[in-house]
């Protein structure tokens, strides 16, 4: 009986788990709201990364203010969150 060498599959080490980078959020208590920071907060809440109640408390926002950001963000993207544009078009 001829014995054949066993074939072993080469196993490569498993690649490191790839996770999507967590977007950075503005620091708690932010007072100067540029369009990009507003967009970060809206996206974090809408993706479920940050709960609405937590965002309102962390950034001392009213529900009306956040709702306005969300509405302008969905209507016009980050450009809709720029204060100068809002003053000219509202």
PDB file of N, CA and C in Angstrom:
ATOM      1  N   UNK A   1       0.836  -1.157   0.000  1.00  0.00           N
ATOM      2  CA  UNK A   1       0.000   0.000   0.000  1.00  0.00           C
ATOM      3  C   UNK A   1       0.891   1.233   0.000  1.00  0.00           C
ATOM      4  N   UNK A   2       0.617   2.069  -0.950  1.00  0.00           N
ATOM      5  CA  UNK A   2       1.405   3.293  -1.075  1.00  0.00           C
ATOM      6  C   UNK A   2       0.723   4.380  -0.257  1.00  0.00           C
ATOM      7  N   UNK A   3       1.510   4.952   0.557  1.00  0.00           N
ATOM      8  CA  UNK A   3       0.954   6.001   1.397  1.00  0.00           C
ATOM      9  C   UNK A   3       1.228   7.349   0.769  1.00  0.00           C
ATOM     10  N   UNK A   4       0.193   8.060   0.538  1.00  0.00           N
ATOM     11  CA  UNK A   4       0.352   9.396  -0.039  1.00  0.00           C
ATOM     12  C   UNK A   4       0.506  10.419   1.084  1.00  0.00           C
ATOM     13  N   UNK A   5       1.348  11.364   0.821  1.00  0.00           N
ATOM     14  CA  UNK A   5       1.467  12.401   1.853  1.00  0.00           C
ATOM     15  C   UNK A   5       0.140  13.155   1.955  1.00  0.00           C
ATOM     16  N   UNK A   6      -0.216  13.487   3.156  1.00  0.00           N
ATOM     17  CA  UNK A   6      -1.487  14.194   3.329  1.00  0.00           C
ATOM     18  C   UNK A   6      -1.337  15.628   2.826  1.00  0.00           C
ATOM     19  N   UNK A   7      -2.358  16.052   2.162  1.00  0.00           N
ATOM     20  CA  UNK A   7      -2.362  17.417   1.669  1.00  0.00           C
ATOM     21  C   UNK A   7      -2.929  18.321   2.751  1.00  0.00           C
ATOM     22  N   UNK A   8      -2.163  19.260   3.118  1.00  0.00           N
ATOM     23  CA  UNK A   8      -2.631  20.215   4.111  1.00  0.00           C
ATOM     24  C   UNK A   8      -2.804  21.561   3.434  1.00  0.00           C
ATOM     25  N   UNK A   9      -3.913  22.119   3.692  1.00  0.00           N
ATOM     26  CA  UNK A   9      -4.150  23.451   3.145  1.00  0.00           C
ATOM     27  C   UNK A   9      -3.383  24.465   3.974  1.00  0.00           C
ATOM     28  N   UNK A  10      -2.734  25.320   3.270  1.00  0.00           N
ATOM     29  CA  UNK A  10      -2.021  26.374   3.979  1.00  0.00           C
ATOM     30  C   UNK A  10      -3.049  27.323   4.577  1.00  0.00           C
ATOM     31  N   UNK A  11      -2.867  27.591   5.816  1.00  0.00           N
ATOM     32  CA  UNK A  11      -3.805  28.511   6.459  1.00  0.00           C
ATOM     33  C   UNK A  11      -3.098  29.820   6.755  1.00  0.00           C
ATOM     34  N   UNK A  12      -3.682  30.839   6.270  1.00  0.00           N
ATOM     35  CA  UNK A  12      -3.137  32.166   6.529  1.00  0.00           C
ATOM     36  C   UNK A  12      -3.774  32.691   7.805  1.00  0.00           C
ATOM     37  N   UNK A  13      -3.044  33.479   8.522  1.00  0.00           N
ATOM     38  CA  UNK A  13      -3.654  34.046   9.719  1.00  0.00           C
ATOM     39  C   UNK A  13      -4.881  34.888   9.331  1.00  0.00           C
ATOM     40  N   UNK A  14      -5.878  34.823  10.169  1.00  0.00           N
ATOM     41  CA  UNK A  14      -7.107  35.572   9.888  1.00  0.00           C
ATOM     42  C   UNK A  14      -6.796  37.065   9.882  1.00  0.00           C
ATOM     43  N   UNK A  15      -7.361  37.773   8.917  1.00  0.00           N
ATOM     44  CA  UNK A  15      -7.119  39.218   8.899  1.00  0.00           C
ATOM     45  C   UNK A  15      -7.754  39.860  10.119  1.00  0.00           C
ATOM     46  N   UNK A  16      -7.169  40.940  10.546  1.00  0.00           N
ATOM     47  CA  UNK A  16      -7.730  41.657  11.691  1.00  0.00           C
ATOM     48  C   UNK A  16      -9.132  42.114  11.329  1.00  0.00           C
ATOM     49  N   UNK A  17      -9.990  42.055  12.295  1.00  0.00           N
ATOM     50  CA  UNK A  17     -11.376  42.458  12.041  1.00  0.00           C
ATOM     51  C   UNK A  17     -11.395  43.903  11.578  1.00  0.00           C
ATOM     52  N   UNK A  18     -12.061  44.112  10.485  1.00  0.00           N
ATOM     53  CA  UNK A  18     -12.165  45.471   9.968  1.00  0.00           C
ATOM     54  C   UNK A  18     -13.486  46.053  10.418  1.00  0.00           C
ATOM     55  N   UNK A  19     -13.403  47.135  11.105  1.00  0.00           N
ATOM     56  CA  UNK A  19     -14.615  47.812  11.529  1.00  0.00           C
ATOM     57  C   UNK A  19     -14.587  49.212  10.950  1.00  0.00           C
ATOM     58  N   UNK A  20     -15.755  49.705  10.691  1.00  0.00           N
ATOM     59  CA  UNK A  20     -15.834  51.062  10.175  1.00  0.00           C
ATOM     60  C   UNK A  20     -15.346  52.014  11.262  1.00  0.00           C
ATOM     61  N   UNK A  21     -14.583  53.008  10.876  1.00  0.00           N
ATOM     62  CA  UNK A  21     -14.102  53.943  11.890  1.00  0.00           C
ATOM     63  C   UNK A  21     -15.281  54.708  12.497  1.00  0.00           C
ATOM     64  N   UNK A  22     -15.235  54.875  13.790  1.00  0.00           N
ATOM     65  CA  UNK A  22     -16.287  55.621  14.459  1.00  0.00           C
ATOM     66  C   UNK A  22     -16.045  57.099  14.201  1.00  0.00           C
ATOM     67  N   UNK A  23     -17.045  57.755  13.620  1.00  0.00           N
ATOM     68  CA  UNK A  23     -16.842  59.173  13.358  1.00  0.00           C
ATOM     69  C   UNK A  23     -16.660  59.925  14.668  1.00  0.00           C
ATOM     70  N   UNK A  24     -15.810  60.882  14.647  1.00  0.00           N
ATOM     71  CA  UNK A  24     -15.599  61.653  15.860  1.00  0.00           C
ATOM     72  C   UNK A  24     -16.762  62.613  16.029  1.00  0.00           C
ATOM     73  N   UNK A  25     -17.170  62.772  17.240  1.00  0.00           N
ATOM     74  CA  UNK A  25     -18.258  63.678  17.554  1.00  0.00           C
ATOM     75  C   UNK A  25     -17.687  64.937  18.186  1.00  0.00           C
ATOM     76  N   UNK A  26     -18.396  66.026  18.049  1.00  0.00           N
ATOM     77  CA  UNK A  26     -17.931  67.247  18.720  1.00  0.00           C
ATOM     78  C   UNK A  26     -17.887  67.018  20.234  1.00  0.00           C
ATOM     79  N   UNK A  27     -17.015  67.723  20.927  1.00  0.00           N
ATOM     80  CA  UNK A  27     -16.950  67.545  22.381  1.00  0.00           C
ATOM     81  C   UNK A  27     -18.248  67.986  23.050  1.00  0.00           C
ATOM     82  N   UNK A  28     -18.564  67.367  24.176  1.00  0.00           N
ATOM     83  CA  UNK A  28     -19.759  67.753  24.935  1.00  0.00           C
ATOM     84  C   UNK A  28     -19.658  69.223  25.312  1.00  0.00           C
ATOM     85  N   UNK A  29     -20.793  69.888  25.294  1.00  0.00           N
ATOM     86  CA  UNK A  29     -20.810  71.297  25.671  1.00  0.00           C
ATOM     87  C   UNK A  29     -20.347  72.235  24.578  1.00  0.00           C
ATOM     88  N   UNK A  30     -20.249  71.757  23.344  1.00  0.00           N
ATOM     89  CA  UNK A  30     -19.826  72.608  22.235  1.00  0.00           C
ATOM     90  C   UNK A  30     -20.746  73.819  22.141  1.00  0.00           C
ATOM     91  N   UNK A  31     -20.174  74.980  21.957  1.00  0.00           N
ATOM     92  CA  UNK A  31     -20.951  76.218  21.841  1.00  0.00           C
ATOM     93  C   UNK A  31     -20.942  76.788  20.422  1.00  0.00           C
ATOM     94  N   UNK A  32     -19.862  76.573  19.704  1.00  0.00           N
ATOM     95  CA  UNK A  32     -19.743  77.112  18.345  1.00  0.00           C
ATOM     96  C   UNK A  32     -20.117  76.015  17.360  1.00  0.00           C
ATOM     97  N   UNK A  33     -21.269  76.172  16.735  1.00  0.00           N
ATOM     98  CA  UNK A  33     -21.796  75.125  15.862  1.00  0.00           C
ATOM     99  C   UNK A  33     -21.586  75.466  14.399  1.00  0.00           C
ATOM    100  N   UNK A  34     -20.516  74.955  13.829  1.00  0.00           N
ATOM    101  CA  UNK A  34     -20.301  75.089  12.388  1.00  0.00           C
ATOM    102  C   UNK A  34     -21.072  73.964  11.706  1.00  0.00           C
ATOM    103  N   UNK A  35     -21.287  74.099  10.413  1.00  0.00           N
ATOM    104  CA  UNK A  35     -22.115  73.143   9.667  1.00  0.00           C
ATOM    105  C   UNK A  35     -21.626  71.709   9.807  1.00  0.00           C
ATOM    106  N   UNK A  36     -20.328  71.493   9.760  1.00  0.00           N
ATOM    107  CA  UNK A  36     -19.789  70.131   9.845  1.00  0.00           C
ATOM    108  C   UNK A  36     -20.094  69.460  11.172  1.00  0.00           C
ATOM    109  N   UNK A  37     -20.029  70.224  12.257  1.00  0.00           N
ATOM    110  CA  UNK A  37     -20.328  69.648  13.572  1.00  0.00           C
ATOM    111  C   UNK A  37     -21.808  69.305  13.691  1.00  0.00           C
ATOM    112  N   UNK A  38     -22.649  70.169  13.175  1.00  0.00           N
ATOM    113  CA  UNK A  38     -24.090  69.881  13.185  1.00  0.00           C
ATOM    114  C   UNK A  38     -24.364  68.589  12.415  1.00  0.00           C
ATOM    115  N   UNK A  39     -23.731  68.455  11.260  1.00  0.00           N
ATOM    116  CA  UNK A  39     -23.923  67.263  10.430  1.00  0.00           C
ATOM    117  C   UNK A  39     -23.457  66.009  11.165  1.00  0.00           C
ATOM    118  N   UNK A  40     -22.348  66.085  11.895  1.00  0.00           N
ATOM    119  CA  UNK A  40     -21.851  64.932  12.652  1.00  0.00           C
ATOM    120  C   UNK A  40     -22.879  64.475  13.673  1.00  0.00           C
ATOM    121  N   UNK A  41     -23.484  65.426  14.368  1.00  0.00           N
ATOM    122  CA  UNK A  41     -24.466  65.072  15.391  1.00  0.00           C
ATOM    123  C   UNK A  41     -25.717  64.484  14.747  1.00  0.00           C
ATOM    124  N   UNK A  42     -26.209  65.102  13.675  1.00  0.00           N
ATOM    125  CA  UNK A  42     -27.401  64.587  12.990  1.00  0.00           C
ATOM    126  C   UNK A  42     -27.149  63.168  12.484  1.00  0.00           C
ATOM    127  N   UNK A  43     -26.008  62.947  11.837  1.00  0.00           N
ATOM    128  CA  UNK A  43     -25.692  61.620  11.307  1.00  0.00           C
ATOM    129  C   UNK A  43     -25.550  60.584  12.419  1.00  0.00           C
ATOM    130  N   UNK A  44     -24.947  60.968  13.539  1.00  0.00           N
ATOM    131  CA  UNK A  44     -24.780  60.032  14.655  1.00  0.00           C
ATOM    132  C   UNK A  44     -26.130  59.618  15.226  1.00  0.00           C
ATOM    133  N   UNK A  45     -27.044  60.565  15.347  1.00  0.00           N
ATOM    134  CA  UNK A  45     -28.368  60.237  15.876  1.00  0.00           C
ATOM    135  C   UNK A  45     -29.139  59.387  14.873  1.00  0.00           C
ATOM    136  N   UNK A  46     -29.107  59.753  13.609  1.00  0.00           N
ATOM    137  CA  UNK A  46     -29.882  59.028  12.607  1.00  0.00           C
ATOM    138  C   UNK A  46     -29.333  57.615  12.360  1.00  0.00           C
ATOM    139  N   UNK A  47     -28.045  57.414  12.570  1.00  0.00           N
ATOM    140  CA  UNK A  47     -27.459  56.074  12.382  1.00  0.00           C
ATOM    141  C   UNK A  47     -27.634  55.191  13.616  1.00  0.00           C
ATOM    142  N   UNK A  48     -28.070  55.785  14.717  1.00  0.00           N
ATOM    143  CA  UNK A  48     -28.239  55.021  15.943  1.00  0.00           C
ATOM    144  C   UNK A  48     -26.992  54.976  16.806  1.00  0.00           C
ATOM    145  N   UNK A  49     -25.939  55.633  16.382  1.00  0.00           N
ATOM    146  CA  UNK A  49     -24.710  55.646  17.162  1.00  0.00           C
ATOM    147  C   UNK A  49     -24.887  56.455  18.452  1.00  0.00           C
ATOM    148  N   UNK A  50     -25.774  57.428  18.415  1.00  0.00           N
ATOM    149  CA  UNK A  50     -26.027  58.294  19.554  1.00  0.00           C
ATOM    150  C   UNK A  50     -27.534  58.437  19.690  1.00  0.00           C
ATOM    151  N   UNK A  51     -28.043  58.250  20.886  1.00  0.00           N
ATOM    152  CA  UNK A  51     -29.481  58.386  21.108  1.00  0.00           C
ATOM    153  C   UNK A  51     -29.849  59.864  21.115  1.00  0.00           C
ATOM    154  N   UNK A  52     -31.045  60.154  20.635  1.00  0.00           N
ATOM    155  CA  UNK A  52     -31.500  61.541  20.566  1.00  0.00           C
ATOM    156  C   UNK A  52     -31.448  62.207  21.934  1.00  0.00           C
ATOM    157  N   UNK A  53     -31.962  61.534  22.958  1.00  0.00           N
ATOM    158  CA  UNK A  53     -31.949  62.123  24.308  1.00  0.00           C
ATOM    159  C   UNK A  53     -30.526  62.433  24.766  1.00  0.00           C
ATOM    160  N   UNK A  54     -29.609  61.528  24.462  1.00  0.00           N
ATOM    161  CA  UNK A  54     -28.213  61.749  24.850  1.00  0.00           C
ATOM    162  C   UNK A  54     -27.616  62.938  24.108  1.00  0.00           C
ATOM    163  N   UNK A  55     -27.940  63.063  22.830  1.00  0.00           N
ATOM    164  CA  UNK A  55     -27.424  64.184  22.040  1.00  0.00           C
ATOM    165  C   UNK A  55     -27.966  65.508  22.568  1.00  0.00           C
ATOM    166  N   UNK A  56     -29.262  65.543  22.868  1.00  0.00           N
ATOM    167  CA  UNK A  56     -29.867  66.778  23.375  1.00  0.00           C
ATOM    168  C   UNK A  56     -29.226  67.191  24.697  1.00  0.00           C
ATOM    169  N   UNK A  57     -29.003  66.228  25.560  1.00  0.00           N
ATOM    170  CA  UNK A  57     -28.396  66.519  26.861  1.00  0.00           C
ATOM    171  C   UNK A  57     -26.918  66.884  26.715  1.00  0.00           C
ATOM    172  N   UNK A  58     -26.193  66.098  25.932  1.00  0.00           N
ATOM    173  CA  UNK A  58     -24.740  66.303  25.777  1.00  0.00           C
ATOM    174  C   UNK A  58     -24.411  67.666  25.167  1.00  0.00           C
ATOM    175  N   UNK A  59     -25.226  68.081  24.209  1.00  0.00           N
ATOM    176  CA  UNK A  59     -24.942  69.332  23.501  1.00  0.00           C
ATOM    177  C   UNK A  59     -25.871  70.476  23.899  1.00  0.00           C
ATOM    178  N   UNK A  60     -26.717  70.233  24.908  1.00  0.00           N
ATOM    179  CA  UNK A  60     -27.628  71.259  25.419  1.00  0.00           C
ATOM    180  C   UNK A  60     -28.473  71.854  24.299  1.00  0.00           C
ATOM    181  N   UNK A  61     -29.089  70.972  23.523  1.00  0.00           N
ATOM    182  CA  UNK A  61     -29.931  71.377  22.402  1.00  0.00           C
ATOM    183  C   UNK A  61     -31.396  71.169  22.758  1.00  0.00           C
ATOM    184  N   UNK A  62     -32.258  71.963  22.154  1.00  0.00           N
ATOM    185  CA  UNK A  62     -33.692  71.712  22.280  1.00  0.00           C
ATOM    186  C   UNK A  62     -34.097  70.772  21.147  1.00  0.00           C
ATOM    187  N   UNK A  63     -35.220  70.124  21.330  1.00  0.00           N
ATOM    188  CA  UNK A  63     -35.716  69.230  20.279  1.00  0.00           C
ATOM    189  C   UNK A  63     -36.021  70.035  19.022  1.00  0.00           C
ATOM    190  N   UNK A  64     -36.489  71.268  19.176  1.00  0.00           N
ATOM    191  CA  UNK A  64     -36.790  72.121  18.027  1.00  0.00           C
ATOM    192  C   UNK A  64     -35.522  72.444  17.238  1.00  0.00           C
ATOM    193  N   UNK A  65     -34.442  72.744  17.962  1.00  0.00           N
ATOM    194  CA  UNK A  65     -33.181  73.070  17.292  1.00  0.00           C
ATOM    195  C   UNK A  65     -32.645  71.863  16.536  1.00  0.00           C
ATOM    196  N   UNK A  66     -32.631  70.686  17.188  1.00  0.00           N
ATOM    197  CA  UNK A  66     -32.150  69.487  16.511  1.00  0.00           C
ATOM    198  C   UNK A  66     -33.025  69.159  15.304  1.00  0.00           C
ATOM    199  N   UNK A  67     -34.339  69.281  15.458  1.00  0.00           N
ATOM    200  CA  UNK A  67     -35.258  68.989  14.345  1.00  0.00           C
ATOM    201  C   UNK A  67     -35.011  69.905  13.161  1.00  0.00           C
ATOM    202  N   UNK A  68     -34.712  71.164  13.436  1.00  0.00           N
ATOM    203  CA  UNK A  68     -34.402  72.108  12.354  1.00  0.00           C
ATOM    204  C   UNK A  68     -33.114  71.694  11.651  1.00  0.00           C
ATOM    205  N   UNK A  69     -32.100  71.277  12.405  1.00  0.00           N
ATOM    206  CA  UNK A  69     -30.839  70.807  11.804  1.00  0.00           C
ATOM    207  C   UNK A  69     -31.112  69.608  10.910  1.00  0.00           C
ATOM    208  N   UNK A  70     -31.876  68.656  11.441  1.00  0.00           N
ATOM    209  CA  UNK A  70     -32.165  67.432  10.699  1.00  0.00           C
ATOM    210  C   UNK A  70     -32.910  67.750   9.402  1.00  0.00           C
ATOM    211  N   UNK A  71     -33.904  68.602   9.483  1.00  0.00           N
ATOM    212  CA  UNK A  71     -34.696  68.970   8.309  1.00  0.00           C
ATOM    213  C   UNK A  71     -33.820  69.656   7.247  1.00  0.00           C
ATOM    214  N   UNK A  72     -32.994  70.614   7.686  1.00  0.00           N
ATOM    215  CA  UNK A  72     -32.123  71.322   6.729  1.00  0.00           C
ATOM    216  C   UNK A  72     -31.051  70.397   6.160  1.00  0.00           C
ATOM    217  N   UNK A  73     -30.564  69.463   6.995  1.00  0.00           N
ATOM    218  CA  UNK A  73     -29.550  68.517   6.524  1.00  0.00           C
ATOM    219  C   UNK A  73     -30.135  67.616   5.437  1.00  0.00           C
ATOM    220  N   UNK A  74     -31.344  67.100   5.649  1.00  0.00           N
ATOM    221  CA  UNK A  74     -31.964  66.223   4.647  1.00  0.00           C
ATOM    222  C   UNK A  74     -32.356  66.991   3.396  1.00  0.00           C
ATOM    223  N   UNK A  75     -32.714  68.241   3.547  1.00  0.00           N
ATOM    224  CA  UNK A  75     -33.123  69.045   2.393  1.00  0.00           C
ATOM    225  C   UNK A  75     -31.922  69.468   1.545  1.00  0.00           C
ATOM    226  N   UNK A  76     -30.842  69.910   2.216  1.00  0.00           N
ATOM    227  CA  UNK A  76     -29.735  70.518   1.465  1.00  0.00           C
ATOM    228  C   UNK A  76     -28.354  70.016   1.833  1.00  0.00           C
ATOM    229  N   UNK A  77     -28.260  68.986   2.659  1.00  0.00           N
ATOM    230  CA  UNK A  77     -26.948  68.480   3.055  1.00  0.00           C
ATOM    231  C   UNK A  77     -26.249  69.440   4.001  1.00  0.00           C
ATOM    232  N   UNK A  78     -24.942  69.338   4.062  1.00  0.00           N
ATOM    233  CA  UNK A  78     -24.160  70.180   4.968  1.00  0.00           C
ATOM    234  C   UNK A  78     -24.357  71.655   4.638  1.00  0.00           C
ATOM    235  N   UNK A  79     -24.501  71.981   3.371  1.00  0.00           N
ATOM    236  CA  UNK A  79     -24.709  73.390   2.993  1.00  0.00           C
ATOM    237  C   UNK A  79     -25.968  73.964   3.632  1.00  0.00           C
ATOM    238  N   UNK A  80     -26.974  73.140   3.835  1.00  0.00           N
ATOM    239  CA  UNK A  80     -28.201  73.614   4.462  1.00  0.00           C
ATOM    240  C   UNK A  80     -28.019  73.965   5.924  1.00  0.00           C
ATOM    241  N   UNK A  81     -26.937  73.497   6.525  1.00  0.00           N
ATOM    242  CA  UNK A  81     -26.677  73.778   7.931  1.00  0.00           C
ATOM    243  C   UNK A  81     -25.839  75.024   8.149  1.00  0.00           C
ATOM    244  N   UNK A  82     -25.406  75.639   7.075  1.00  0.00           N
ATOM    245  CA  UNK A  82     -24.619  76.870   7.217  1.00  0.00           C
ATOM    246  C   UNK A  82     -25.559  78.012   7.605  1.00  0.00           C
ATOM    247  N   UNK A  83     -25.211  78.710   8.665  1.00  0.00           N
ATOM    248  CA  UNK A  83     -26.089  79.736   9.202  1.00  0.00           C
ATOM    249  C   UNK A  83     -26.320  80.871   8.211  1.00  0.00           C
ATOM    250  N   UNK A  84     -25.298  81.304   7.510  1.00  0.00           N
ATOM    251  CA  UNK A  84     -25.443  82.408   6.549  1.00  0.00           C
ATOM    252  C   UNK A  84     -26.452  82.078   5.464  1.00  0.00           C
ATOM    253  N   UNK A  85     -26.412  80.839   4.957  1.00  0.00           N
ATOM    254  CA  UNK A  85     -27.362  80.443   3.929  1.00  0.00           C
ATOM    255  C   UNK A  85     -28.784  80.406   4.479  1.00  0.00           C
ATOM    256  N   UNK A  86     -28.932  79.955   5.710  1.00  0.00           N
ATOM    257  CA  UNK A  86     -30.257  79.870   6.303  1.00  0.00           C
ATOM    258  C   UNK A  86     -30.853  81.263   6.476  1.00  0.00           C
ATOM    259  N   UNK A  87     -30.060  82.201   6.866  1.00  0.00           N
ATOM    260  CA  UNK A  87     -30.568  83.559   7.064  1.00  0.00           C
ATOM    261  C   UNK A  87     -31.014  84.187   5.744  1.00  0.00           C
ATOM    262  N   UNK A  88     -30.340  83.856   4.658  1.00  0.00           N
ATOM    263  CA  UNK A  88     -30.704  84.427   3.362  1.00  0.00           C
ATOM    264  C   UNK A  88     -31.910  83.752   2.748  1.00  0.00           C
ATOM    265  N   UNK A  89     -32.128  82.461   3.037  1.00  0.00           N
ATOM    266  CA  UNK A  89     -33.170  81.722   2.323  1.00  0.00           C
ATOM    267  C   UNK A  89     -34.416  81.459   3.140  1.00  0.00           C
ATOM    268  N   UNK A  90     -34.386  81.672   4.455  1.00  0.00           N
ATOM    269  CA  UNK A  90     -35.581  81.392   5.254  1.00  0.00           C
ATOM    270  C   UNK A  90     -36.483  82.593   5.353  1.00  0.00           C
TER     271      UNK A  90
END
